[in-house]
Amino acid sequence: MIILLKLKNIYDINLHLFHLDHLTREGQSSIDAKFVKELSEKLGINLTLYVKSAEN
């Protein structure tokens, strides 16, 4: 991630994060999704976040 952020600044490229929350691990995956969302906001990187149960 650090290397990508440096390249983003050097070459003025756009990064986009994608995260898929499978609603697994007794709620832990949703905590992961929240972390990714907060990190993307902090770093100013666009995020696509999907939530889809692994059981479907």
Protein backbone atom coordinates (compact mmCIF):
# COMPACT_ATOMS: atom_id res chain seq x y z
CA MET A 1 0.00 0.00 0.00
CA ILE A 2 2.81 2.41 0.82
CA ILE A 3 4.43 1.82 -2.57
CA LEU A 4 1.13 2.42 -4.35
CA LEU A 5 0.61 5.67 -2.46
CA LYS A 6 4.10 6.86 -3.40
CA LEU A 7 3.52 5.98 -7.05
CA LYS A 8 0.14 7.75 -6.89
CA ASN A 9 1.86 10.95 -5.84
CA ILE A 10 4.85 10.66 -8.19
CA TYR A 11 2.87 9.85 -11.34
CA ASP A 12 -0.41 11.55 -10.41
CA ILE A 13 -2.43 8.36 -10.88
CA ASN A 14 -5.84 7.54 -9.45
CA LEU A 15 -6.23 4.59 -7.13
CA HIS A 16 -9.51 2.86 -6.41
CA LEU A 17 -10.08 0.36 -3.62
CA PHE A 18 -12.54 -2.51 -3.80
CA HIS A 19 -13.72 -4.45 -0.77
CA LEU A 20 -16.25 -7.27 -0.60
CA ASP A 21 -17.75 -7.99 2.81
CA HIS A 22 -19.02 -11.59 2.80
CA LEU A 23 -20.66 -11.17 6.23
CA THR A 24 -18.52 -13.95 7.70
CA ARG A 25 -16.47 -14.61 10.82
CA GLU A 26 -19.24 -13.67 13.25
CA GLY A 27 -19.24 -9.99 12.33
CA GLN A 28 -15.49 -9.58 11.96
CA SER A 29 -15.75 -9.10 8.20
CA SER A 30 -17.97 -6.05 8.77
CA ILE A 31 -15.32 -4.63 11.09
CA ASP A 32 -12.79 -5.15 8.29
CA ALA A 33 -15.12 -3.31 5.88
CA LYS A 34 -15.40 -0.39 8.30
CA PHE A 35 -11.60 -0.25 8.59
CA VAL A 36 -11.17 -0.21 4.80
CA LYS A 37 -13.80 2.54 4.47
CA GLU A 38 -12.14 4.71 7.11
CA LEU A 39 -8.69 4.13 5.61
CA SER A 40 -9.85 5.04 2.12
CA GLU A 41 -11.40 8.25 3.44
CA LYS A 42 -8.24 9.12 5.37
CA LEU A 43 -6.04 8.53 2.31
CA GLY A 44 -8.43 10.19 -0.13
CA ILE A 45 -8.85 7.07 -2.25
CA ASN A 46 -12.17 6.15 -3.84
CA LEU A 47 -13.76 2.95 -2.56
CA THR A 48 -16.27 0.50 -3.93
CA LEU A 49 -17.68 -1.54 -1.07
CA TYR A 50 -20.06 -4.43 -1.63
CA VAL A 51 -21.81 -6.50 0.99
CA LYS A 52 -22.93 -9.96 -0.11
CA SER A 53 -23.49 -12.95 2.13
CA ALA A 54 -21.17 -15.85 1.38
CA GLU A 55 -24.13 -18.18 1.86
CA ASN A 56 -25.93 -16.90 -1.27
